[in-house]
Amino acid sequence: MSQTVKFSYDGGIFEVGPTIEHSAYSSFPGFIQYETGYSYPQMQHNVRIVLSWSNLSEQIPAISLAAVKQQGYLVDETGEPKIIAAEVVIKEFPNHWRQKMGVSWSEWLARFDEDCTAIGIRADEIVNDPNSGHCLCDGSLYLLDKLDVHPMFRGQRIGMHLCRYVLHVMPKTDSDMIFLLAEPIDSKYEDGNKNRITDINRLAEYYIAAGFRFVRVQPDEQILLEASGRDLQIRSNLAYFASKAVPAAQIHTHYQAASNT
């Protein structure tokens, strides 16, 4: 994660140290009697990059909460006020829940939505592939569902840093894997859809530069990506994008070739 974030206020630009907040939620009731066929829910992780009011006040003593809101920043006033710069939502599916239900990944994830269904199909392919080692045989499957950067903070590679942070801290075992379906999202921020990336190829380039590996183009034209700490191709892709830029028109060809190496 970058050491500072540029914050524009009252005609000036200030370098402010951000804070990363991570919360997790599941509707799983906890102490229940396990039943055959019980539909286990997913867990949801929310990771946010925020600027605390105390840090802002140290650099801008006369800062006004009303003026910050008027400028268009999103302020969370739960407790000490904080400005939200970016947020990522990750869905987690623990493997031991799947094992207790006695179902495949695709059978379990198909209970949720179309994106989860596509990921479940890919997960079964990995589990049944003798060359994949122990991937998804333990630990958890993660789906990076949404990455949203506030429009006032775009252009600072905050989303890239946040994505790499997630890839670094979320997996707990070598068996864990994180998946992503590259597609434009509807931003929750006001005016958040004005300058977002909408081209699928550019989105795939963005996430592969962050550390994901290309898998394939889906029938609905979404691009399926995955990441694992055991995947050497991730480091190869990072080196590739650091050394040269790839035109968007070449993305399918390049990543198809990469997935076969």
C-alpha atoms as a PDB file:
ATOM      1  CA  MET A   1       0.000   0.000   0.000  1.00  0.00           C
ATOM      2  CA  SER A   2       1.233   3.503  -0.848  1.00  0.00           C
ATOM      3  CA  GLN A   3       2.635   5.460   2.100  1.00  0.00           C
ATOM      4  CA  THR A   4       0.515   8.546   1.406  1.00  0.00           C
ATOM      5  CA  VAL A   5      -2.632   9.607  -0.461  1.00  0.00           C
ATOM      6  CA  LYS A   6      -3.057  12.985  -2.120  1.00  0.00           C
ATOM      7  CA  PHE A   7      -5.945  14.917  -0.601  1.00  0.00           C
ATOM      8  CA  SER A   8      -7.168  18.100  -2.292  1.00  0.00           C
ATOM      9  CA  TYR A   9      -8.726  20.735  -0.064  1.00  0.00           C
ATOM     10  CA  ASP A  10      -9.307  24.485  -0.308  1.00  0.00           C
ATOM     11  CA  GLY A  11      -6.981  24.923  -3.284  1.00  0.00           C
ATOM     12  CA  GLY A  12      -4.129  22.895  -1.751  1.00  0.00           C
ATOM     13  CA  ILE A  13      -2.937  19.292  -2.132  1.00  0.00           C
ATOM     14  CA  PHE A  14      -1.843  17.445   0.998  1.00  0.00           C
ATOM     15  CA  GLU A  15      -0.014  14.126   1.375  1.00  0.00           C
ATOM     16  CA  VAL A  16      -1.918  12.167   4.038  1.00  0.00           C
ATOM     17  CA  GLY A  17      -1.137   8.751   5.487  1.00  0.00           C
ATOM     18  CA  PRO A  18      -4.130   6.418   4.951  1.00  0.00           C
ATOM     19  CA  THR A  19      -5.489   3.661   7.165  1.00  0.00           C
ATOM     20  CA  ILE A  20      -6.657   0.236   5.979  1.00  0.00           C
ATOM     21  CA  GLU A  21      -9.789  -1.113   7.670  1.00  0.00           C
ATOM     22  CA  HIS A  22     -10.836  -4.749   7.288  1.00  0.00           C
ATOM     23  CA  SER A  23     -14.192  -6.095   8.468  1.00  0.00           C
ATOM     24  CA  ALA A  24     -15.814  -9.475   7.851  1.00  0.00           C
ATOM     25  CA  TYR A  25     -19.411 -10.612   8.065  1.00  0.00           C
ATOM     26  CA  SER A  26     -21.354 -13.842   7.702  1.00  0.00           C
ATOM     27  CA  SER A  27     -24.985 -14.718   8.361  1.00  0.00           C
ATOM     28  CA  PHE A  28     -23.857 -18.174   9.551  1.00  0.00           C
ATOM     29  CA  PRO A  29     -25.528 -18.561  12.969  1.00  0.00           C
ATOM     30  CA  GLY A  30     -22.588 -20.343  14.574  1.00  0.00           C
ATOM     31  CA  PHE A  31     -23.694 -22.909  17.130  1.00  0.00           C
ATOM     32  CA  ILE A  32     -26.139 -25.009  15.133  1.00  0.00           C
ATOM     33  CA  GLN A  33     -26.625 -28.707  14.561  1.00  0.00           C
ATOM     34  CA  TYR A  34     -25.135 -29.641  11.229  1.00  0.00           C
ATOM     35  CA  GLU A  35     -27.715 -31.029   8.833  1.00  0.00           C
ATOM     36  CA  THR A  36     -27.235 -32.784   5.526  1.00  0.00           C
ATOM     37  CA  GLY A  37     -27.770 -30.357   2.671  1.00  0.00           C
ATOM     38  CA  TYR A  38     -27.628 -27.276   4.908  1.00  0.00           C
ATOM     39  CA  SER A  39     -27.024 -24.283   2.679  1.00  0.00           C
ATOM     40  CA  TYR A  40     -23.955 -22.603   4.142  1.00  0.00           C
ATOM     41  CA  PRO A  41     -23.709 -18.890   3.327  1.00  0.00           C
ATOM     42  CA  GLN A  42     -20.688 -17.027   2.047  1.00  0.00           C
ATOM     43  CA  MET A  43     -18.542 -14.756   4.187  1.00  0.00           C
ATOM     44  CA  GLN A  44     -18.062 -11.156   3.097  1.00  0.00           C
ATOM     45  CA  HIS A  45     -14.926  -9.089   3.635  1.00  0.00           C
ATOM     46  CA  ASN A  46     -14.870  -5.312   3.269  1.00  0.00           C
ATOM     47  CA  VAL A  47     -11.449  -3.692   3.031  1.00  0.00           C
ATOM     48  CA  ARG A  48     -11.403   0.111   2.972  1.00  0.00           C
ATOM     49  CA  ILE A  49      -8.754   2.775   2.581  1.00  0.00           C
ATOM     50  CA  VAL A  50      -9.705   5.751   4.745  1.00  0.00           C
ATOM     51  CA  LEU A  51      -8.245   9.063   5.843  1.00  0.00           C
ATOM     52  CA  SER A  52      -8.814   9.676   9.539  1.00  0.00           C
ATOM     53  CA  TRP A  53      -9.965  13.080  10.705  1.00  0.00           C
ATOM     54  CA  SER A  54      -7.146  13.274  13.245  1.00  0.00           C
ATOM     55  CA  ASN A  55      -4.510  12.829  10.511  1.00  0.00           C
ATOM     56  CA  LEU A  56      -6.202  15.420   8.322  1.00  0.00           C
ATOM     57  CA  SER A  57      -6.496  17.897  11.200  1.00  0.00           C
ATOM     58  CA  GLU A  58      -2.772  17.646  11.945  1.00  0.00           C
ATOM     59  CA  GLN A  59      -1.923  18.906   8.461  1.00  0.00           C
ATOM     60  CA  ILE A  60      -4.957  21.146   7.941  1.00  0.00           C
ATOM     61  CA  PRO A  61      -5.841  22.686  11.345  1.00  0.00           C
ATOM     62  CA  ALA A  62      -8.707  24.756   9.904  1.00  0.00           C
ATOM     63  CA  ILE A  63     -10.312  21.878   7.989  1.00  0.00           C
ATOM     64  CA  SER A  64     -14.116  21.915   8.032  1.00  0.00           C
ATOM     65  CA  LEU A  65     -16.302  18.799   7.894  1.00  0.00           C
ATOM     66  CA  ALA A  66     -19.020  20.714   6.071  1.00  0.00           C
ATOM     67  CA  ALA A  67     -16.536  21.979   3.469  1.00  0.00           C
ATOM     68  CA  VAL A  68     -15.160  18.464   2.921  1.00  0.00           C
ATOM     69  CA  LYS A  69     -18.652  17.151   2.254  1.00  0.00           C
ATOM     70  CA  GLN A  70     -19.412  20.055  -0.048  1.00  0.00           C
ATOM     71  CA  GLN A  71     -16.328  19.222  -2.118  1.00  0.00           C
ATOM     72  CA  GLY A  72     -17.803  15.795  -2.799  1.00  0.00           C
ATOM     73  CA  TYR A  73     -15.842  13.527  -0.468  1.00  0.00           C
ATOM     74  CA  LEU A  74     -17.652  10.623   1.209  1.00  0.00           C
ATOM     75  CA  VAL A  75     -17.442  10.933   4.973  1.00  0.00           C
ATOM     76  CA  ASP A  76     -18.144   8.091   7.393  1.00  0.00           C
ATOM     77  CA  GLU A  77     -19.244   9.720  10.653  1.00  0.00           C
ATOM     78  CA  THR A  78     -19.447   6.523  12.698  1.00  0.00           C
ATOM     79  CA  GLY A  79     -17.205   7.431  15.613  1.00  0.00           C
ATOM     80  CA  GLU A  80     -14.343   9.686  14.560  1.00  0.00           C
ATOM     81  CA  PRO A  81     -15.086  11.045  11.058  1.00  0.00           C
ATOM     82  CA  LYS A  82     -13.097   9.456   8.254  1.00  0.00           C
ATOM     83  CA  ILE A  83     -13.006   9.986   4.508  1.00  0.00           C
ATOM     84  CA  ILE A  84     -13.418   6.855   2.403  1.00  0.00           C
ATOM     85  CA  ALA A  85     -10.950   6.734  -0.493  1.00  0.00           C
ATOM     86  CA  ALA A  86     -11.600   3.203  -1.804  1.00  0.00           C
ATOM     87  CA  GLU A  87     -13.258  -0.087  -0.892  1.00  0.00           C
ATOM     88  CA  VAL A  88     -13.041  -3.672  -2.056  1.00  0.00           C
ATOM     89  CA  VAL A  89     -15.601  -6.414  -1.360  1.00  0.00           C
ATOM     90  CA  ILE A  90     -14.425 -10.031  -1.239  1.00  0.00           C
ATOM     91  CA  LYS A  91     -16.626 -13.085  -0.856  1.00  0.00           C
ATOM     92  CA  GLU A  92     -15.119 -16.062   0.966  1.00  0.00           C
ATOM     93  CA  PHE A  93     -16.203 -19.694   0.676  1.00  0.00           C
ATOM     94  CA  PRO A  94     -14.417 -21.912   3.250  1.00  0.00           C
ATOM     95  CA  ASN A  95     -13.598 -25.354   1.915  1.00  0.00           C
ATOM     96  CA  HIS A  96     -14.533 -27.128   5.148  1.00  0.00           C
ATOM     97  CA  TRP A  97     -18.103 -25.806   4.788  1.00  0.00           C
ATOM     98  CA  ARG A  98     -18.244 -27.304   1.295  1.00  0.00           C
ATOM     99  CA  GLN A  99     -16.928 -30.606   2.607  1.00  0.00           C
ATOM    100  CA  LYS A 100     -19.557 -30.744   5.348  1.00  0.00           C
ATOM    101  CA  MET A 101     -22.273 -30.336   2.711  1.00  0.00           C
ATOM    102  CA  GLY A 102     -20.669 -33.024   0.551  1.00  0.00           C
ATOM    103  CA  VAL A 103     -21.013 -31.011  -2.668  1.00  0.00           C
ATOM    104  CA  SER A 104     -18.684 -29.797  -5.397  1.00  0.00           C
ATOM    105  CA  TRP A 105     -17.596 -26.180  -5.645  1.00  0.00           C
ATOM    106  CA  SER A 106     -19.942 -25.598  -8.578  1.00  0.00           C
ATOM    107  CA  GLU A 107     -22.903 -27.168  -6.779  1.00  0.00           C
ATOM    108  CA  TRP A 108     -22.381 -24.910  -3.773  1.00  0.00           C
ATOM    109  CA  LEU A 109     -21.586 -21.631  -5.542  1.00  0.00           C
ATOM    110  CA  ALA A 110     -24.435 -22.037  -8.043  1.00  0.00           C
ATOM    111  CA  ARG A 111     -26.799 -21.311  -5.133  1.00  0.00           C
ATOM    112  CA  PHE A 112     -25.712 -17.666  -5.037  1.00  0.00           C
ATOM    113  CA  ASP A 113     -25.484 -15.819  -8.370  1.00  0.00           C
ATOM    114  CA  GLU A 114     -24.169 -16.090 -11.927  1.00  0.00           C
ATOM    115  CA  ASP A 115     -20.675 -14.850 -11.078  1.00  0.00           C
ATOM    116  CA  CYS A 116     -20.327 -17.371  -8.268  1.00  0.00           C
ATOM    117  CA  THR A 117     -21.569 -20.109 -10.608  1.00  0.00           C
ATOM    118  CA  ALA A 118     -18.813 -19.324 -13.123  1.00  0.00           C
ATOM    119  CA  ILE A 119     -16.194 -19.355 -10.360  1.00  0.00           C
ATOM    120  CA  GLY A 120     -17.499 -22.674  -9.032  1.00  0.00           C
ATOM    121  CA  ILE A 121     -17.091 -24.279 -12.444  1.00  0.00           C
ATOM    122  CA  ARG A 122     -13.498 -23.067 -12.643  1.00  0.00           C
ATOM    123  CA  ALA A 123     -12.813 -24.263  -9.081  1.00  0.00           C
ATOM    124  CA  ASP A 124     -13.952 -27.805  -9.966  1.00  0.00           C
ATOM    125  CA  GLU A 125     -11.637 -27.756 -12.984  1.00  0.00           C
ATOM    126  CA  ILE A 126      -8.724 -26.900 -10.693  1.00  0.00           C
ATOM    127  CA  VAL A 127      -9.585 -29.534  -8.090  1.00  0.00           C
ATOM    128  CA  ASN A 128      -9.804 -32.219 -10.805  1.00  0.00           C
ATOM    129  CA  ASP A 129      -6.589 -31.130 -12.526  1.00  0.00           C
ATOM    130  CA  PRO A 130      -3.654 -33.327 -11.387  1.00  0.00           C
ATOM    131  CA  ASN A 131      -1.248 -30.490 -12.188  1.00  0.00           C
ATOM    132  CA  SER A 132      -2.861 -28.026  -9.775  1.00  0.00           C
ATOM    133  CA  GLY A 133      -1.400 -29.598  -6.644  1.00  0.00           C
ATOM    134  CA  HIS A 134      -3.462 -28.979  -3.513  1.00  0.00           C
ATOM    135  CA  CYS A 135      -5.167 -25.796  -4.688  1.00  0.00           C
ATOM    136  CA  LEU A 136      -8.709 -25.477  -3.262  1.00  0.00           C
ATOM    137  CA  CYS A 137      -8.402 -28.762  -1.370  1.00  0.00           C
ATOM    138  CA  ASP A 138      -8.115 -26.844   1.892  1.00  0.00           C
ATOM    139  CA  GLY A 139      -8.455 -23.253   3.093  1.00  0.00           C
ATOM    140  CA  SER A 140     -10.882 -21.017   1.215  1.00  0.00           C
ATOM    141  CA  LEU A 141     -11.986 -19.836  -2.191  1.00  0.00           C
ATOM    142  CA  TYR A 142     -12.211 -16.045  -2.516  1.00  0.00           C
ATOM    143  CA  LEU A 143     -14.062 -13.975  -5.095  1.00  0.00           C
ATOM    144  CA  LEU A 144     -13.034 -10.345  -5.500  1.00  0.00           C
ATOM    145  CA  ASP A 145     -16.506  -8.996  -6.105  1.00  0.00           C
ATOM    146  CA  LYS A 146     -16.114  -5.212  -6.305  1.00  0.00           C
ATOM    147  CA  LEU A 147     -13.253  -2.731  -6.293  1.00  0.00           C
ATOM    148  CA  ASP A 148     -14.472   0.859  -6.075  1.00  0.00           C
ATOM    149  CA  VAL A 149     -12.265   3.962  -5.849  1.00  0.00           C
ATOM    150  CA  HIS A 150     -13.855   7.295  -4.994  1.00  0.00           C
ATOM    151  CA  PRO A 151     -13.617   9.625  -8.014  1.00  0.00           C
ATOM    152  CA  MET A 152     -11.799  12.275  -5.915  1.00  0.00           C
ATOM    153  CA  PHE A 153      -8.919   9.808  -5.384  1.00  0.00           C
ATOM    154  CA  ARG A 154      -8.606   8.243  -8.819  1.00  0.00           C
ATOM    155  CA  GLY A 155      -5.392   8.559 -10.776  1.00  0.00           C
ATOM    156  CA  GLN A 156      -3.193   7.701  -7.764  1.00  0.00           C
ATOM    157  CA  ARG A 157      -3.109   3.901  -8.326  1.00  0.00           C
ATOM    158  CA  ILE A 158      -4.988   3.472  -5.058  1.00  0.00           C
ATOM    159  CA  GLY A 159      -7.108   0.683  -6.532  1.00  0.00           C
ATOM    160  CA  MET A 160      -3.978  -1.106  -7.742  1.00  0.00           C
ATOM    161  CA  HIS A 161      -2.355  -0.878  -4.300  1.00  0.00           C
ATOM    162  CA  LEU A 162      -5.549  -2.075  -2.624  1.00  0.00           C
ATOM    163  CA  CYS A 163      -5.845  -5.029  -4.990  1.00  0.00           C
ATOM    164  CA  ARG A 164      -2.239  -6.059  -4.350  1.00  0.00           C
ATOM    165  CA  TYR A 165      -2.804  -5.688  -0.618  1.00  0.00           C
ATOM    166  CA  VAL A 166      -5.756  -8.090  -0.834  1.00  0.00           C
ATOM    167  CA  LEU A 167      -3.716 -10.617  -2.818  1.00  0.00           C
ATOM    168  CA  HIS A 168      -0.978 -10.383  -0.202  1.00  0.00           C
ATOM    169  CA  VAL A 169      -2.990 -10.668   3.008  1.00  0.00           C
ATOM    170  CA  MET A 170      -6.179 -12.560   2.163  1.00  0.00           C
ATOM    171  CA  PRO A 171      -4.853 -16.085   1.375  1.00  0.00           C
ATOM    172  CA  LYS A 172      -3.892 -17.952   4.532  1.00  0.00           C
ATOM    173  CA  THR A 173      -2.660 -21.245   2.997  1.00  0.00           C
ATOM    174  CA  ASP A 174      -1.076 -22.383  -0.276  1.00  0.00           C
ATOM    175  CA  SER A 175      -4.418 -23.982  -1.096  1.00  0.00           C
ATOM    176  CA  ASP A 176      -6.313 -20.668  -1.087  1.00  0.00           C
ATOM    177  CA  MET A 177      -7.186 -19.032  -4.396  1.00  0.00           C
ATOM    178  CA  ILE A 178      -8.730 -15.689  -5.345  1.00  0.00           C
ATOM    179  CA  PHE A 179     -10.869 -15.266  -8.462  1.00  0.00           C
ATOM    180  CA  LEU A 180     -12.182 -12.290 -10.371  1.00  0.00           C
ATOM    181  CA  LEU A 181     -14.542 -11.708 -13.287  1.00  0.00           C
ATOM    182  CA  ALA A 182     -13.405  -8.505 -14.982  1.00  0.00           C
ATOM    183  CA  GLU A 183     -16.425  -6.360 -15.726  1.00  0.00           C
ATOM    184  CA  PRO A 184     -17.396  -2.730 -15.105  1.00  0.00           C
ATOM    185  CA  ILE A 185     -19.201  -2.151 -11.808  1.00  0.00           C
ATOM    186  CA  ASP A 186     -21.704   0.508 -10.848  1.00  0.00           C
ATOM    187  CA  SER A 187     -19.874   2.759  -8.413  1.00  0.00           C
ATOM    188  CA  LYS A 188     -21.632   3.482  -5.145  1.00  0.00           C
ATOM    189  CA  TYR A 189     -20.065   6.934  -5.043  1.00  0.00           C
ATOM    190  CA  GLU A 190     -21.799  10.027  -6.383  1.00  0.00           C
ATOM    191  CA  ASP A 191     -20.503  10.738  -9.902  1.00  0.00           C
ATOM    192  CA  GLY A 192     -18.453   7.553  -9.555  1.00  0.00           C
ATOM    193  CA  ASN A 193     -19.364   6.238 -13.006  1.00  0.00           C
ATOM    194  CA  LYS A 194     -18.065   9.234 -14.959  1.00  0.00           C
ATOM    195  CA  ASN A 195     -14.409   8.289 -15.333  1.00  0.00           C
ATOM    196  CA  ARG A 196     -14.377   4.601 -14.452  1.00  0.00           C
ATOM    197  CA  ILE A 197     -12.786   1.990 -16.719  1.00  0.00           C
ATOM    198  CA  THR A 198     -15.504   0.362 -18.802  1.00  0.00           C
ATOM    199  CA  ASP A 199     -13.445  -1.456 -21.441  1.00  0.00           C
ATOM    200  CA  ILE A 200     -13.181  -5.148 -20.506  1.00  0.00           C
ATOM    201  CA  ASN A 201      -9.708  -5.502 -21.972  1.00  0.00           C
ATOM    202  CA  ARG A 202      -8.359  -2.536 -20.029  1.00  0.00           C
ATOM    203  CA  LEU A 203      -9.911  -3.903 -16.850  1.00  0.00           C
ATOM    204  CA  ALA A 204      -8.191  -7.244 -17.398  1.00  0.00           C
ATOM    205  CA  GLU A 205      -4.860  -5.470 -17.981  1.00  0.00           C
ATOM    206  CA  TYR A 206      -5.396  -3.566 -14.745  1.00  0.00           C
ATOM    207  CA  TYR A 207      -6.026  -6.658 -12.633  1.00  0.00           C
ATOM    208  CA  ILE A 208      -3.251  -8.704 -14.215  1.00  0.00           C
ATOM    209  CA  ALA A 209      -0.833  -5.878 -13.472  1.00  0.00           C
ATOM    210  CA  ALA A 210      -2.042  -6.187  -9.868  1.00  0.00           C
ATOM    211  CA  GLY A 211      -1.174  -9.898  -9.771  1.00  0.00           C
ATOM    212  CA  PHE A 212      -4.007 -11.927 -11.280  1.00  0.00           C
ATOM    213  CA  ARG A 213      -3.555 -14.504 -14.048  1.00  0.00           C
ATOM    214  CA  PHE A 214      -5.721 -14.732 -17.150  1.00  0.00           C
ATOM    215  CA  VAL A 215      -7.838 -17.893 -17.430  1.00  0.00           C
ATOM    216  CA  ARG A 216     -10.305 -17.380 -20.283  1.00  0.00           C
ATOM    217  CA  VAL A 217     -12.982 -15.206 -21.813  1.00  0.00           C
ATOM    218  CA  GLN A 218     -16.420 -16.308 -20.596  1.00  0.00           C
ATOM    219  CA  PRO A 219     -19.410 -16.837 -22.930  1.00  0.00           C
ATOM    220  CA  ASP A 220     -20.860 -13.532 -21.671  1.00  0.00           C
ATOM    221  CA  GLU A 221     -17.497 -11.866 -22.572  1.00  0.00           C
ATOM    222  CA  GLN A 222     -16.410 -11.360 -18.973  1.00  0.00           C
ATOM    223  CA  ILE A 223     -12.732 -12.183 -18.496  1.00  0.00           C
ATOM    224  CA  LEU A 224     -12.024 -14.792 -15.818  1.00  0.00           C
ATOM    225  CA  LEU A 225      -8.880 -14.222 -13.742  1.00  0.00           C
ATOM    226  CA  GLU A 226      -7.359 -16.057 -10.802  1.00  0.00           C
ATOM    227  CA  ALA A 227      -4.470 -15.780  -8.350  1.00  0.00           C
ATOM    228  CA  SER A 228      -2.663 -18.135  -6.014  1.00  0.00           C
ATOM    229  CA  GLY A 229       0.485 -17.768  -3.984  1.00  0.00           C
ATOM    230  CA  ARG A 230       1.740 -20.957  -5.643  1.00  0.00           C
ATOM    231  CA  ASP A 231       1.220 -19.559  -9.150  1.00  0.00           C
ATOM    232  CA  LEU A 232       4.533 -18.580 -10.713  1.00  0.00           C
ATOM    233  CA  GLN A 233       2.692 -17.028 -13.669  1.00  0.00           C
ATOM    234  CA  ILE A 234       1.605 -14.146 -11.436  1.00  0.00           C
ATOM    235  CA  ARG A 235       5.191 -12.979 -11.000  1.00  0.00           C
ATOM    236  CA  SER A 236       5.778 -13.482 -14.718  1.00  0.00           C
ATOM    237  CA  ASN A 237       2.804 -11.256 -15.568  1.00  0.00           C
ATOM    238  CA  LEU A 238       3.965  -8.562 -13.139  1.00  0.00           C
ATOM    239  CA  ALA A 239       7.397  -8.539 -14.769  1.00  0.00           C
ATOM    240  CA  TYR A 240       5.820  -8.469 -18.222  1.00  0.00           C
ATOM    241  CA  PHE A 241       3.724  -5.381 -17.532  1.00  0.00           C
ATOM    242  CA  ALA A 242       6.586  -3.631 -15.794  1.00  0.00           C
ATOM    243  CA  SER A 243       8.749  -4.016 -18.891  1.00  0.00           C
ATOM    244  CA  LYS A 244       6.276  -3.096 -21.632  1.00  0.00           C
ATOM    245  CA  ALA A 245       2.739  -1.963 -22.336  1.00  0.00           C
ATOM    246  CA  VAL A 246       0.371  -4.304 -24.148  1.00  0.00           C
ATOM    247  CA  PRO A 247      -2.222  -2.806 -26.513  1.00  0.00           C
ATOM    248  CA  ALA A 248      -5.758  -3.664 -25.399  1.00  0.00           C
ATOM    249  CA  ALA A 249      -6.450  -5.375 -28.720  1.00  0.00           C
ATOM    250  CA  GLN A 250      -3.744  -7.966 -27.937  1.00  0.00           C
ATOM    251  CA  ILE A 251      -4.983  -8.897 -24.487  1.00  0.00           C
ATOM    252  CA  HIS A 252      -6.913 -12.056 -25.359  1.00  0.00           C
ATOM    253  CA  THR A 253      -4.069 -13.435 -27.452  1.00  0.00           C
ATOM    254  CA  HIS A 254      -1.365 -12.655 -24.909  1.00  0.00           C
ATOM    255  CA  TYR A 255      -3.231 -13.982 -21.907  1.00  0.00           C
ATOM    256  CA  GLN A 256      -4.369 -17.116 -23.690  1.00  0.00           C
ATOM    257  CA  ALA A 257      -0.735 -17.837 -24.444  1.00  0.00           C
ATOM    258  CA  ALA A 258       0.236 -17.003 -20.858  1.00  0.00           C
ATOM    259  CA  SER A 259      -2.329 -19.404 -19.459  1.00  0.00           C
ATOM    260  CA  ASN A 260      -0.780 -22.265 -21.413  1.00  0.00           C
ATOM    261  CA  THR A 261       2.772 -21.760 -20.110  1.00  0.00           C
END
